[in-house]
PDB file of N, CA and C in Angstrom:
ATOM      1  N   MET A   1      23.311  13.374   0.482  1.00  0.00           N
ATOM      2  CA  MET A   1      22.090  12.600   0.337  1.00  0.00           C
ATOM      3  C   MET A   1      21.852  12.344  -1.155  1.00  0.00           C
ATOM      4  N   GLU A   2      21.626  11.106  -1.500  1.00  0.00           N
ATOM      5  CA  GLU A   2      21.429  10.711  -2.892  1.00  0.00           C
ATOM      6  C   GLU A   2      19.972  10.931  -3.308  1.00  0.00           C
ATOM      7  N   VAL A   3      19.790  11.608  -4.442  1.00  0.00           N
ATOM      8  CA  VAL A   3      18.450  11.810  -5.001  1.00  0.00           C
ATOM      9  C   VAL A   3      18.114  10.597  -5.864  1.00  0.00           C
ATOM     10  N   LEU A   4      16.941  10.033  -5.655  1.00  0.00           N
ATOM     11  CA  LEU A   4      16.537   8.864  -6.436  1.00  0.00           C
ATOM     12  C   LEU A   4      16.281   9.254  -7.883  1.00  0.00           C
ATOM     13  N   LYS A   5      16.762   8.437  -8.789  1.00  0.00           N
ATOM     14  CA  LYS A   5      16.523   8.664 -10.214  1.00  0.00           C
ATOM     15  C   LYS A   5      15.152   8.099 -10.583  1.00  0.00           C
ATOM     16  N   ARG A   6      14.583   8.622 -11.649  1.00  0.00           N
ATOM     17  CA  ARG A   6      13.278   8.153 -12.108  1.00  0.00           C
ATOM     18  C   ARG A   6      13.304   6.645 -12.377  1.00  0.00           C
ATOM     19  N   SER A   7      14.424   6.128 -12.832  1.00  0.00           N
ATOM     20  CA  SER A   7      14.527   4.695 -13.129  1.00  0.00           C
ATOM     21  C   SER A   7      14.301   3.833 -11.879  1.00  0.00           C
ATOM     22  N   PHE A   8      14.567   4.382 -10.696  1.00  0.00           N
ATOM     23  CA  PHE A   8      14.313   3.664  -9.439  1.00  0.00           C
ATOM     24  C   PHE A   8      12.859   3.215  -9.355  1.00  0.00           C
ATOM     25  N   PHE A   9      11.940   4.038  -9.859  1.00  0.00           N
ATOM     26  CA  PHE A   9      10.507   3.774  -9.739  1.00  0.00           C
ATOM     27  C   PHE A   9       9.957   2.861 -10.835  1.00  0.00           C
ATOM     28  N   HIS A  10      10.780   2.514 -11.831  1.00  0.00           N
ATOM     29  CA  HIS A  10      10.350   1.620 -12.918  1.00  0.00           C
ATOM     30  C   HIS A  10      10.464   0.163 -12.479  1.00  0.00           C
ATOM     31  N   GLN A  11       9.741  -0.176 -11.408  1.00  0.00           N
ATOM     32  CA  GLN A  11       9.755  -1.529 -10.864  1.00  0.00           C
ATOM     33  C   GLN A  11       8.379  -1.827 -10.289  1.00  0.00           C
ATOM     34  N   SER A  12       8.192  -3.042  -9.883  1.00  0.00           N
ATOM     35  CA  SER A  12       6.961  -3.440  -9.204  1.00  0.00           C
ATOM     36  C   SER A  12       6.763  -2.568  -7.966  1.00  0.00           C
ATOM     37  N   PRO A  13       5.509  -2.198  -7.652  1.00  0.00           N
ATOM     38  CA  PRO A  13       5.282  -1.403  -6.447  1.00  0.00           C
ATOM     39  C   PRO A  13       5.699  -2.141  -5.171  1.00  0.00           C
ATOM     40  N   LEU A  14       5.682  -3.464  -5.193  1.00  0.00           N
ATOM     41  CA  LEU A  14       6.117  -4.228  -4.019  1.00  0.00           C
ATOM     42  C   LEU A  14       7.605  -4.023  -3.746  1.00  0.00           C
ATOM     43  N   ILE A  15       8.388  -3.982  -4.808  1.00  0.00           N
ATOM     44  CA  ILE A  15       9.832  -3.753  -4.670  1.00  0.00           C
ATOM     45  C   ILE A  15      10.096  -2.313  -4.258  1.00  0.00           C
ATOM     46  N   VAL A  16       9.452  -1.362  -4.948  1.00  0.00           N
ATOM     47  CA  VAL A  16       9.657   0.059  -4.640  1.00  0.00           C
ATOM     48  C   VAL A  16       9.255   0.360  -3.199  1.00  0.00           C
ATOM     49  N   ALA A  17       8.138  -0.191  -2.749  1.00  0.00           N
ATOM     50  CA  ALA A  17       7.673   0.059  -1.380  1.00  0.00           C
ATOM     51  C   ALA A  17       8.730  -0.356  -0.359  1.00  0.00           C
ATOM     52  N   LYS A  18       9.276  -1.543  -0.518  1.00  0.00           N
ATOM     53  CA  LYS A  18      10.305  -2.021   0.415  1.00  0.00           C
ATOM     54  C   LYS A  18      11.540  -1.128   0.389  1.00  0.00           C
ATOM     55  N   MET A  19      11.920  -0.689  -0.818  1.00  0.00           N
ATOM     56  CA  MET A  19      13.130   0.113  -0.955  1.00  0.00           C
ATOM     57  C   MET A  19      12.937   1.562  -0.487  1.00  0.00           C
ATOM     58  N   LEU A  20      11.693   2.054  -0.457  1.00  0.00           N
ATOM     59  CA  LEU A  20      11.437   3.420   0.012  1.00  0.00           C
ATOM     60  C   LEU A  20      11.515   3.547   1.530  1.00  0.00           C
ATOM     61  N   LEU A  21      11.251   2.464   2.232  1.00  0.00           N
ATOM     62  CA  LEU A  21      11.310   2.520   3.695  1.00  0.00           C
ATOM     63  C   LEU A  21      12.695   2.969   4.154  1.00  0.00           C
ATOM     64  N   GLY A  22      12.716   3.979   5.008  1.00  0.00           N
ATOM     65  CA  GLY A  22      13.977   4.510   5.513  1.00  0.00           C
ATOM     66  C   GLY A  22      14.558   5.645   4.688  1.00  0.00           C
ATOM     67  N   LYS A  23      14.052   5.847   3.474  1.00  0.00           N
ATOM     68  CA  LYS A  23      14.526   6.957   2.641  1.00  0.00           C
ATOM     69  C   LYS A  23      14.011   8.278   3.220  1.00  0.00           C
ATOM     70  N   ILE A  24      14.707   9.360   2.899  1.00  0.00           N
ATOM     71  CA  ILE A  24      14.338  10.688   3.387  1.00  0.00           C
ATOM     72  C   ILE A  24      13.588  11.427   2.286  1.00  0.00           C
ATOM     73  N   LEU A  25      12.389  11.894   2.608  1.00  0.00           N
ATOM     74  CA  LEU A  25      11.578  12.707   1.701  1.00  0.00           C
ATOM     75  C   LEU A  25      11.864  14.166   2.039  1.00  0.00           C
ATOM     76  N   VAL A  26      12.251  14.956   1.031  1.00  0.00           N
ATOM     77  CA  VAL A  26      12.639  16.351   1.247  1.00  0.00           C
ATOM     78  C   VAL A  26      11.775  17.264   0.393  1.00  0.00           C
ATOM     79  N   ARG A  27      11.356  18.376   1.005  1.00  0.00           N
ATOM     80  CA  ARG A  27      10.634  19.415   0.270  1.00  0.00           C
ATOM     81  C   ARG A  27      11.216  20.756   0.674  1.00  0.00           C
ATOM     82  N   GLU A  28      11.493  21.599  -0.329  1.00  0.00           N
ATOM     83  CA  GLU A  28      11.970  22.953  -0.055  1.00  0.00           C
ATOM     84  C   GLU A  28      10.891  23.936  -0.450  1.00  0.00           C
ATOM     85  N   ILE A  29      10.553  24.829   0.484  1.00  0.00           N
ATOM     86  CA  ILE A  29       9.528  25.846   0.256  1.00  0.00           C
ATOM     87  C   ILE A  29      10.140  27.198   0.591  1.00  0.00           C
ATOM     88  N   ASP A  30      10.235  28.061  -0.406  1.00  0.00           N
ATOM     89  CA  ASP A  30      10.780  29.411  -0.192  1.00  0.00           C
ATOM     90  C   ASP A  30      12.108  29.371   0.558  1.00  0.00           C
ATOM     91  N   GLY A  31      12.976  28.456   0.180  1.00  0.00           N
ATOM     92  CA  GLY A  31      14.291  28.351   0.786  1.00  0.00           C
ATOM     93  C   GLY A  31      14.327  27.619   2.118  1.00  0.00           C
ATOM     94  N   LEU A  32      13.178  27.172   2.602  1.00  0.00           N
ATOM     95  CA  LEU A  32      13.111  26.429   3.860  1.00  0.00           C
ATOM     96  C   LEU A  32      12.990  24.939   3.563  1.00  0.00           C
ATOM     97  N   LYS A  33      13.730  24.139   4.311  1.00  0.00           N
ATOM     98  CA  LYS A  33      13.786  22.701   4.055  1.00  0.00           C
ATOM     99  C   LYS A  33      12.953  21.934   5.079  1.00  0.00           C
ATOM    100  N   LEU A  34      12.100  21.052   4.568  1.00  0.00           N
ATOM    101  CA  LEU A  34      11.323  20.133   5.399  1.00  0.00           C
ATOM    102  C   LEU A  34      11.716  18.726   4.980  1.00  0.00           C
ATOM    103  N   SER A  35      11.904  17.843   5.943  1.00  0.00           N
ATOM    104  CA  SER A  35      12.254  16.470   5.578  1.00  0.00           C
ATOM    105  C   SER A  35      11.729  15.493   6.622  1.00  0.00           C
ATOM    106  N   GLY A  36      11.594  14.255   6.179  1.00  0.00           N
ATOM    107  CA  GLY A  36      11.162  13.192   7.074  1.00  0.00           C
ATOM    108  C   GLY A  36      11.547  11.836   6.519  1.00  0.00           C
ATOM    109  N   ARG A  37      11.775  10.905   7.413  1.00  0.00           N
ATOM    110  CA  ARG A  37      12.115   9.531   7.032  1.00  0.00           C
ATOM    111  C   ARG A  37      10.822   8.766   6.755  1.00  0.00           C
ATOM    112  N   ILE A  38      10.772   8.094   5.612  1.00  0.00           N
ATOM    113  CA  ILE A  38       9.598   7.298   5.247  1.00  0.00           C
ATOM    114  C   ILE A  38       9.578   6.051   6.132  1.00  0.00           C
ATOM    115  N   VAL A  39       8.485   5.905   6.907  1.00  0.00           N
ATOM    116  CA  VAL A  39       8.403   4.790   7.860  1.00  0.00           C
ATOM    117  C   VAL A  39       7.218   3.860   7.609  1.00  0.00           C
ATOM    118  N   GLU A  40       6.303   4.265   6.727  1.00  0.00           N
ATOM    119  CA  GLU A  40       5.157   3.392   6.432  1.00  0.00           C
ATOM    120  C   GLU A  40       4.699   3.632   5.002  1.00  0.00           C
ATOM    121  N   VAL A  41       4.515   2.548   4.258  1.00  0.00           N
ATOM    122  CA  VAL A  41       4.092   2.622   2.857  1.00  0.00           C
ATOM    123  C   VAL A  41       3.056   1.534   2.573  1.00  0.00           C
ATOM    124  N   GLU A  42       2.346   1.700   1.461  1.00  0.00           N
ATOM    125  CA  GLU A  42       1.440   0.660   0.959  1.00  0.00           C
ATOM    126  C   GLU A  42       1.663   0.544  -0.540  1.00  0.00           C
ATOM    127  N   ALA A  43       1.758  -0.673  -1.038  1.00  0.00           N
ATOM    128  CA  ALA A  43       1.945  -0.920  -2.469  1.00  0.00           C
ATOM    129  C   ALA A  43       0.607  -1.280  -3.105  1.00  0.00           C
ATOM    130  N   TYR A  44       0.346  -0.707  -4.281  1.00  0.00           N
ATOM    131  CA  TYR A  44      -0.892  -0.983  -5.015  1.00  0.00           C
ATOM    132  C   TYR A  44      -0.543  -1.421  -6.430  1.00  0.00           C
ATOM    133  N   GLU A  45      -0.827  -2.680  -6.741  1.00  0.00           N
ATOM    134  CA  GLU A  45      -0.550  -3.206  -8.075  1.00  0.00           C
ATOM    135  C   GLU A  45      -1.722  -2.918  -9.008  1.00  0.00           C
ATOM    136  N   ALA A  46      -1.393  -2.473 -10.197  1.00  0.00           N
ATOM    137  CA  ALA A  46      -2.412  -2.152 -11.205  1.00  0.00           C
ATOM    138  C   ALA A  46      -3.249  -3.381 -11.531  1.00  0.00           C
ATOM    139  N   TYR A  47      -4.534  -3.148 -11.724  1.00  0.00           N
ATOM    140  CA  TYR A  47      -5.491  -4.128 -12.251  1.00  0.00           C
ATOM    141  C   TYR A  47      -5.875  -5.263 -11.295  1.00  0.00           C
ATOM    142  N   THR A  48      -5.058  -5.567 -10.278  1.00  0.00           N
ATOM    143  CA  THR A  48      -5.364  -6.715  -9.419  1.00  0.00           C
ATOM    144  C   THR A  48      -5.735  -6.334  -7.993  1.00  0.00           C
ATOM    145  N   ASP A  49      -5.418  -5.127  -7.580  1.00  0.00           N
ATOM    146  CA  ASP A  49      -5.650  -4.703  -6.198  1.00  0.00           C
ATOM    147  C   ASP A  49      -6.935  -3.886  -6.115  1.00  0.00           C
ATOM    148  N   GLU A  50      -7.966  -4.458  -5.527  1.00  0.00           N
ATOM    149  CA  GLU A  50      -9.268  -3.786  -5.453  1.00  0.00           C
ATOM    150  C   GLU A  50      -9.234  -2.503  -4.634  1.00  0.00           C
ATOM    151  N   ALA A  51      -8.229  -2.329  -3.792  1.00  0.00           N
ATOM    152  CA  ALA A  51      -8.106  -1.104  -2.995  1.00  0.00           C
ATOM    153  C   ALA A  51      -7.417   0.025  -3.766  1.00  0.00           C
ATOM    154  N   ALA A  52      -6.830  -0.297  -4.911  1.00  0.00           N
ATOM    155  CA  ALA A  52      -6.132   0.718  -5.712  1.00  0.00           C
ATOM    156  C   ALA A  52      -7.129   1.693  -6.325  1.00  0.00           C
ATOM    157  N   HIS A  53      -6.764   2.959  -6.349  1.00  0.00           N
ATOM    158  CA  HIS A  53      -7.639   3.975  -6.938  1.00  0.00           C
ATOM    159  C   HIS A  53      -7.831   3.767  -8.436  1.00  0.00           C
ATOM    160  N   SER A  54      -6.994   2.974  -9.054  1.00  0.00           N
ATOM    161  CA  SER A  54      -7.095   2.707 -10.492  1.00  0.00           C
ATOM    162  C   SER A  54      -7.882   1.436 -10.805  1.00  0.00           C
ATOM    163  N   TYR A  55      -8.319   0.722  -9.798  1.00  0.00           N
ATOM    164  CA  TYR A  55      -8.925  -0.599 -10.014  1.00  0.00           C
ATOM    165  C   TYR A  55     -10.117  -0.556 -10.970  1.00  0.00           C
ATOM    166  N   ARG A  56     -10.935   0.478 -10.879  1.00  0.00           N
ATOM    167  CA  ARG A  56     -12.128   0.575 -11.738  1.00  0.00           C
ATOM    168  C   ARG A  56     -11.880   1.375 -13.019  1.00  0.00           C
ATOM    169  N   GLY A  57     -10.616   1.654 -13.310  1.00  0.00           N
ATOM    170  CA  GLY A  57     -10.285   2.328 -14.557  1.00  0.00           C
ATOM    171  C   GLY A  57      -9.884   3.785 -14.383  1.00  0.00           C
ATOM    172  N   LYS A  58      -9.502   4.365 -15.501  1.00  0.00           N
ATOM    173  CA  LYS A  58      -8.994   5.732 -15.535  1.00  0.00           C
ATOM    174  C   LYS A  58     -10.137   6.736 -15.409  1.00  0.00           C
ATOM    175  N   THR A  59      -9.944   7.721 -14.532  1.00  0.00           N
ATOM    176  CA  THR A  59     -10.915   8.800 -14.348  1.00  0.00           C
ATOM    177  C   THR A  59     -10.162  10.127 -14.302  1.00  0.00           C
ATOM    178  N   LYS A  60     -10.899  11.208 -14.295  1.00  0.00           N
ATOM    179  CA  LYS A  60     -10.270  12.527 -14.176  1.00  0.00           C
ATOM    180  C   LYS A  60      -9.501  12.627 -12.856  1.00  0.00           C
ATOM    181  N   ARG A  61     -10.053  12.034 -11.806  1.00  0.00           N
ATOM    182  CA  ARG A  61      -9.439  12.103 -10.475  1.00  0.00           C
ATOM    183  C   ARG A  61      -8.113  11.340 -10.395  1.00  0.00           C
ATOM    184  N   ASN A  62      -8.036  10.178 -11.038  1.00  0.00           N
ATOM    185  CA  ASN A  62      -6.850   9.331 -10.869  1.00  0.00           C
ATOM    186  C   ASN A  62      -5.911   9.329 -12.074  1.00  0.00           C
ATOM    187  N   MET A  63      -6.105  10.243 -13.017  1.00  0.00           N
ATOM    188  CA  MET A  63      -5.319  10.202 -14.259  1.00  0.00           C
ATOM    189  C   MET A  63      -3.808  10.298 -14.032  1.00  0.00           C
ATOM    190  N   SER A  64      -3.371  10.885 -12.925  1.00  0.00           N
ATOM    191  CA  SER A  64      -1.930  10.953 -12.642  1.00  0.00           C
ATOM    192  C   SER A  64      -1.314   9.571 -12.456  1.00  0.00           C
ATOM    193  N   LEU A  65      -2.125   8.600 -12.031  1.00  0.00           N
ATOM    194  CA  LEU A  65      -1.616   7.239 -11.852  1.00  0.00           C
ATOM    195  C   LEU A  65      -1.193   6.597 -13.168  1.00  0.00           C
ATOM    196  N   TYR A  66      -1.669   7.122 -14.269  1.00  0.00           N
ATOM    197  CA  TYR A  66      -1.389   6.545 -15.583  1.00  0.00           C
ATOM    198  C   TYR A  66      -0.178   7.189 -16.251  1.00  0.00           C
ATOM    199  N   LYS A  67       0.502   8.079 -15.532  1.00  0.00           N
ATOM    200  CA  LYS A  67       1.723   8.696 -16.056  1.00  0.00           C
ATOM    201  C   LYS A  67       2.901   7.764 -15.813  1.00  0.00           C
ATOM    202  N   ASP A  68       4.070   8.203 -16.266  1.00  0.00           N
ATOM    203  CA  ASP A  68       5.273   7.384 -16.148  1.00  0.00           C
ATOM    204  C   ASP A  68       5.720   7.267 -14.689  1.00  0.00           C
ATOM    205  N   ALA A  69       6.467   6.239 -14.414  1.00  0.00           N
ATOM    206  CA  ALA A  69       6.992   5.999 -13.072  1.00  0.00           C
ATOM    207  C   ALA A  69       7.708   7.237 -12.539  1.00  0.00           C
ATOM    208  N   GLY A  70       7.510   7.493 -11.244  1.00  0.00           N
ATOM    209  CA  GLY A  70       8.141   8.634 -10.592  1.00  0.00           C
ATOM    210  C   GLY A  70       7.227   9.828 -10.427  1.00  0.00           C
ATOM    211  N   HIS A  71       6.100   9.854 -11.138  1.00  0.00           N
ATOM    212  CA  HIS A  71       5.141  10.952 -10.979  1.00  0.00           C
ATOM    213  C   HIS A  71       4.394  10.811  -9.655  1.00  0.00           C
ATOM    214  N   ALA A  72       3.943  11.943  -9.143  1.00  0.00           N
ATOM    215  CA  ALA A  72       3.172  11.953  -7.895  1.00  0.00           C
ATOM    216  C   ALA A  72       1.683  11.946  -8.200  1.00  0.00           C
ATOM    217  N   TYR A  73       0.950  11.231  -7.406  1.00  0.00           N
ATOM    218  CA  TYR A  73      -0.516  11.223  -7.431  1.00  0.00           C
ATOM    219  C   TYR A  73      -0.950  11.756  -6.066  1.00  0.00           C
ATOM    220  N   ILE A  74      -1.476  12.974  -6.048  1.00  0.00           N
ATOM    221  CA  ILE A  74      -1.899  13.630  -4.815  1.00  0.00           C
ATOM    222  C   ILE A  74      -3.411  13.469  -4.688  1.00  0.00           C
ATOM    223  N   HIS A  75      -3.862  13.037  -3.528  1.00  0.00           N
ATOM    224  CA  HIS A  75      -5.295  12.816  -3.315  1.00  0.00           C
ATOM    225  C   HIS A  75      -5.608  12.960  -1.838  1.00  0.00           C
ATOM    226  N   ARG A  76      -6.884  12.881  -1.504  1.00  0.00           N
ATOM    227  CA  ARG A  76      -7.308  13.011  -0.111  1.00  0.00           C
ATOM    228  C   ARG A  76      -7.949  11.711   0.371  1.00  0.00           C
ATOM    229  N   ILE A  77      -7.619  11.356   1.604  1.00  0.00           N
ATOM    230  CA  ILE A  77      -8.247  10.230   2.283  1.00  0.00           C
ATOM    231  C   ILE A  77      -8.650  10.734   3.669  1.00  0.00           C
ATOM    232  N   HIS A  78      -9.920  10.627   3.979  1.00  0.00           N
ATOM    233  CA  HIS A  78     -10.424  11.071   5.286  1.00  0.00           C
ATOM    234  C   HIS A  78      -9.939  12.483   5.624  1.00  0.00           C
ATOM    235  N   MET A  79     -10.064  13.386   4.663  1.00  0.00           N
ATOM    236  CA  MET A  79      -9.719  14.798   4.823  1.00  0.00           C
ATOM    237  C   MET A  79      -8.219  15.052   5.003  1.00  0.00           C
ATOM    238  N   GLN A  80      -7.385  14.098   4.663  1.00  0.00           N
ATOM    239  CA  GLN A  80      -5.937  14.255   4.743  1.00  0.00           C
ATOM    240  C   GLN A  80      -5.341  14.192   3.343  1.00  0.00           C
ATOM    241  N   ASN A  81      -4.376  15.077   3.059  1.00  0.00           N
ATOM    242  CA  ASN A  81      -3.671  15.023   1.785  1.00  0.00           C
ATOM    243  C   ASN A  81      -2.722  13.831   1.799  1.00  0.00           C
ATOM    244  N   CYS A  82      -2.717  13.089   0.704  1.00  0.00           N
ATOM    245  CA  CYS A  82      -1.876  11.899   0.592  1.00  0.00           C
ATOM    246  C   CYS A  82      -1.084  11.956  -0.706  1.00  0.00           C
ATOM    247  N   ILE A  83       0.026  11.241  -0.729  1.00  0.00           N
ATOM    248  CA  ILE A  83       0.844  11.167  -1.939  1.00  0.00           C
ATOM    249  C   ILE A  83       1.187   9.711  -2.242  1.00  0.00           C
ATOM    250  N   ASP A  84       0.931   9.339  -3.485  1.00  0.00           N
ATOM    251  CA  ASP A  84       1.393   8.064  -4.029  1.00  0.00           C
ATOM    252  C   ASP A  84       2.476   8.405  -5.044  1.00  0.00           C
ATOM    253  N   ILE A  85       3.443   7.535  -5.191  1.00  0.00           N
ATOM    254  CA  ILE A  85       4.441   7.652  -6.245  1.00  0.00           C
ATOM    255  C   ILE A  85       4.131   6.557  -7.258  1.00  0.00           C
ATOM    256  N   VAL A  86       3.962   6.959  -8.506  1.00  0.00           N
ATOM    257  CA  VAL A  86       3.645   6.013  -9.577  1.00  0.00           C
ATOM    258  C   VAL A  86       4.859   5.130  -9.836  1.00  0.00           C
ATOM    259  N   THR A  87       4.601   3.844 -10.015  1.00  0.00           N
ATOM    260  CA  THR A  87       5.659   2.903 -10.386  1.00  0.00           C
ATOM    261  C   THR A  87       5.267   2.292 -11.733  1.00  0.00           C
ATOM    262  N   GLU A  88       6.208   1.724 -12.388  1.00  0.00           N
ATOM    263  CA  GLU A  88       5.992   1.052 -13.676  1.00  0.00           C
ATOM    264  C   GLU A  88       5.741   2.054 -14.809  1.00  0.00           C
ATOM    265  N   PRO A  89       5.643   1.561 -16.063  1.00  0.00           N
ATOM    266  CA  PRO A  89       5.551   2.440 -17.238  1.00  0.00           C
ATOM    267  C   PRO A  89       4.205   3.159 -17.381  1.00  0.00           C
ATOM    268  N   ILE A  90       4.157   4.070 -18.334  1.00  0.00           N
ATOM    269  CA  ILE A  90       2.929   4.796 -18.672  1.00  0.00           C
ATOM    270  C   ILE A  90       1.797   3.800 -18.910  1.00  0.00           C
ATOM    271  N   ASP A  91       0.616   4.149 -18.417  1.00  0.00           N
ATOM    272  CA  ASP A  91      -0.611   3.360 -18.551  1.00  0.00           C
ATOM    273  C   ASP A  91      -0.625   2.059 -17.750  1.00  0.00           C
ATOM    274  N   VAL A  92       0.336   1.894 -16.839  1.00  0.00           N
ATOM    275  CA  VAL A  92       0.293   0.791 -15.873  1.00  0.00           C
ATOM    276  C   VAL A  92       0.195   1.472 -14.501  1.00  0.00           C
ATOM    277  N   PRO A  93      -1.028   1.670 -13.989  1.00  0.00           N
ATOM    278  CA  PRO A  93      -1.245   2.537 -12.828  1.00  0.00           C
ATOM    279  C   PRO A  93      -0.937   1.921 -11.454  1.00  0.00           C
ATOM    280  N   SER A  94       0.236   1.352 -11.322  1.00  0.00           N
ATOM    281  CA  SER A  94       0.690   0.856 -10.023  1.00  0.00           C
ATOM    282  C   SER A  94       1.298   2.021  -9.248  1.00  0.00           C
ATOM    283  N   SER A  95       1.260   1.933  -7.918  1.00  0.00           N
ATOM    284  CA  SER A  95       1.810   3.035  -7.125  1.00  0.00           C
ATOM    285  C   SER A  95       2.161   2.576  -5.723  1.00  0.00           C
ATOM    286  N   VAL A  96       2.871   3.461  -5.024  1.00  0.00           N
ATOM    287  CA  VAL A  96       3.190   3.265  -3.613  1.00  0.00           C
ATOM    288  C   VAL A  96       2.695   4.486  -2.856  1.00  0.00           C
ATOM    289  N   LEU A  97       1.845   4.253  -1.874  1.00  0.00           N
ATOM    290  CA  LEU A  97       1.350   5.309  -1.000  1.00  0.00           C
ATOM    291  C   LEU A  97       2.338   5.498   0.142  1.00  0.00           C
ATOM    292  N   ILE A  98       2.764   6.741   0.349  1.00  0.00           N
ATOM    293  CA  ILE A  98       3.592   7.049   1.512  1.00  0.00           C
ATOM    294  C   ILE A  98       2.624   7.366   2.645  1.00  0.00           C
ATOM    295  N   ARG A  99       2.468   6.442   3.573  1.00  0.00           N
ATOM    296  CA  ARG A  99       1.475   6.572   4.660  1.00  0.00           C
ATOM    297  C   ARG A  99       1.989   7.388   5.836  1.00  0.00           C
ATOM    298  N   ALA A 100       3.284   7.314   6.109  1.00  0.00           N
ATOM    299  CA  ALA A 100       3.798   8.042   7.270  1.00  0.00           C
ATOM    300  C   ALA A 100       5.281   8.338   7.113  1.00  0.00           C
ATOM    301  N   ILE A 101       5.657   9.491   7.664  1.00  0.00           N
ATOM    302  CA  ILE A 101       7.068   9.853   7.766  1.00  0.00           C
ATOM    303  C   ILE A 101       7.373  10.186   9.223  1.00  0.00           C
ATOM    304  N   GLU A 102       8.637  10.105   9.549  1.00  0.00           N
ATOM    305  CA  GLU A 102       9.134  10.545  10.854  1.00  0.00           C
ATOM    306  C   GLU A 102       9.801  11.898  10.610  1.00  0.00           C
ATOM    307  N   PRO A 103       9.219  13.001  11.085  1.00  0.00           N
ATOM    308  CA  PRO A 103       9.774  14.329  10.807  1.00  0.00           C
ATOM    309  C   PRO A 103      11.229  14.458  11.270  1.00  0.00           C
ATOM    310  N   ILE A 104      12.038  15.130  10.432  1.00  0.00           N
ATOM    311  CA  ILE A 104      13.449  15.345  10.752  1.00  0.00           C
ATOM    312  C   ILE A 104      13.764  16.840  10.781  1.00  0.00           C
ATOM    313  N   GLU A 105      13.494  17.532   9.677  1.00  0.00           N
ATOM    314  CA  GLU A 105      13.804  18.963   9.570  1.00  0.00           C
ATOM    315  C   GLU A 105      12.532  19.755   9.296  1.00  0.00           C
ATOM    316  N   GLY A 106      12.506  20.988   9.772  1.00  0.00           N
ATOM    317  CA  GLY A 106      11.363  21.859   9.516  1.00  0.00           C
ATOM    318  C   GLY A 106      10.138  21.497  10.332  1.00  0.00           C
ATOM    319  N   ILE A 107      10.362  20.938  11.499  1.00  0.00           N
ATOM    320  CA  ILE A 107       9.247  20.453  12.317  1.00  0.00           C
ATOM    321  C   ILE A 107       8.300  21.580  12.710  1.00  0.00           C
ATOM    322  N   GLU A 108       8.826  22.740  13.062  1.00  0.00           N
ATOM    323  CA  GLU A 108       7.958  23.863  13.447  1.00  0.00           C
ATOM    324  C   GLU A 108       7.092  24.318  12.270  1.00  0.00           C
ATOM    325  N   ILE A 109       7.660  24.292  11.068  1.00  0.00           N
ATOM    326  CA  ILE A 109       6.888  24.650   9.869  1.00  0.00           C
ATOM    327  C   ILE A 109       5.787  23.617   9.643  1.00  0.00           C
ATOM    328  N   MET A 110       6.121  22.338   9.809  1.00  0.00           N
ATOM    329  CA  MET A 110       5.122  21.273   9.659  1.00  0.00           C
ATOM    330  C   MET A 110       3.990  21.455  10.665  1.00  0.00           C
ATOM    331  N   LYS A 111       4.332  21.764  11.908  1.00  0.00           N
ATOM    332  CA  LYS A 111       3.309  21.984  12.938  1.00  0.00           C
ATOM    333  C   LYS A 111       2.391  23.136  12.550  1.00  0.00           C
ATOM    334  N   ASN A 112       2.986  24.211  12.074  1.00  0.00           N
ATOM    335  CA  ASN A 112       2.201  25.377  11.664  1.00  0.00           C
ATOM    336  C   ASN A 112       1.313  25.044  10.468  1.00  0.00           C
ATOM    337  N   ASN A 113       1.868  24.354   9.474  1.00  0.00           N
ATOM    338  CA  ASN A 113       1.097  23.987   8.276  1.00  0.00           C
ATOM    339  C   ASN A 113      -0.072  23.076   8.611  1.00  0.00           C
ATOM    340  N   ARG A 114       0.113  22.172   9.542  1.00  0.00           N
ATOM    341  CA  ARG A 114      -0.918  21.194   9.898  1.00  0.00           C
ATOM    342  C   ARG A 114      -1.795  21.651  11.056  1.00  0.00           C
ATOM    343  N   LYS A 115      -1.428  22.791  11.682  1.00  0.00           N
ATOM    344  CA  LYS A 115      -2.166  23.295  12.860  1.00  0.00           C
ATOM    345  C   LYS A 115      -2.159  22.242  13.974  1.00  0.00           C
ATOM    346  N   LYS A 116      -0.984  21.649  14.184  1.00  0.00           N
ATOM    347  CA  LYS A 116      -0.807  20.614  15.210  1.00  0.00           C
ATOM    348  C   LYS A 116       0.368  20.996  16.104  1.00  0.00           C
ATOM    349  N   GLU A 117       0.370  20.504  17.328  1.00  0.00           N
ATOM    350  CA  GLU A 117       1.444  20.785  18.277  1.00  0.00           C
ATOM    351  C   GLU A 117       2.343  19.580  18.539  1.00  0.00           C
ATOM    352  N   LYS A 118       1.809  18.392  18.390  1.00  0.00           N
ATOM    353  CA  LYS A 118       2.558  17.184  18.723  1.00  0.00           C
ATOM    354  C   LYS A 118       3.136  16.551  17.461  1.00  0.00           C
ATOM    355  N   ILE A 119       4.393  16.108  17.561  1.00  0.00           N
ATOM    356  CA  ILE A 119       5.075  15.531  16.401  1.00  0.00           C
ATOM    357  C   ILE A 119       4.319  14.335  15.835  1.00  0.00           C
ATOM    358  N   HIS A 120       3.769  13.473  16.675  1.00  0.00           N
ATOM    359  CA  HIS A 120       3.090  12.271  16.165  1.00  0.00           C
ATOM    360  C   HIS A 120       1.838  12.619  15.360  1.00  0.00           C
ATOM    361  N   GLU A 121       1.346  13.852  15.463  1.00  0.00           N
ATOM    362  CA  GLU A 121       0.183  14.275  14.681  1.00  0.00           C
ATOM    363  C   GLU A 121       0.574  14.764  13.284  1.00  0.00           C
ATOM    364  N   LEU A 122       1.866  14.847  13.012  1.00  0.00           N
ATOM    365  CA  LEU A 122       2.338  15.362  11.728  1.00  0.00           C
ATOM    366  C   LEU A 122       2.446  14.287  10.662  1.00  0.00           C
ATOM    367  N   THR A 123       2.500  13.025  11.049  1.00  0.00           N
ATOM    368  CA  THR A 123       2.776  11.974  10.068  1.00  0.00           C
ATOM    369  C   THR A 123       1.528  11.345   9.501  1.00  0.00           C
TER     370      THR A 123
END
């Protein structure tokens, strides 16, 4: 499995979003592997997208969006933890939200972490 280089994210969020679909997101916790296929994303362009968390400017909450491409912006929406991947250079707060994955590995761990029993509740 090929690990994406940081340079992959130095592009428009529209391009990155399309290219992330189908990629496998992997996390290792204490030697245990969790993974899922990215099946739904949203692209947020800096300065022009009113739905972007950066639209009204830099705040303590969204400061991760102003880092270099490839950084993660972790936040909550409707009591759910979410992750955006920053695209473009420092101080250009464009990003791609990973909205859903299709679980592949570590499903029982995901169920336990989320306190859910059904796979469709994990994404």
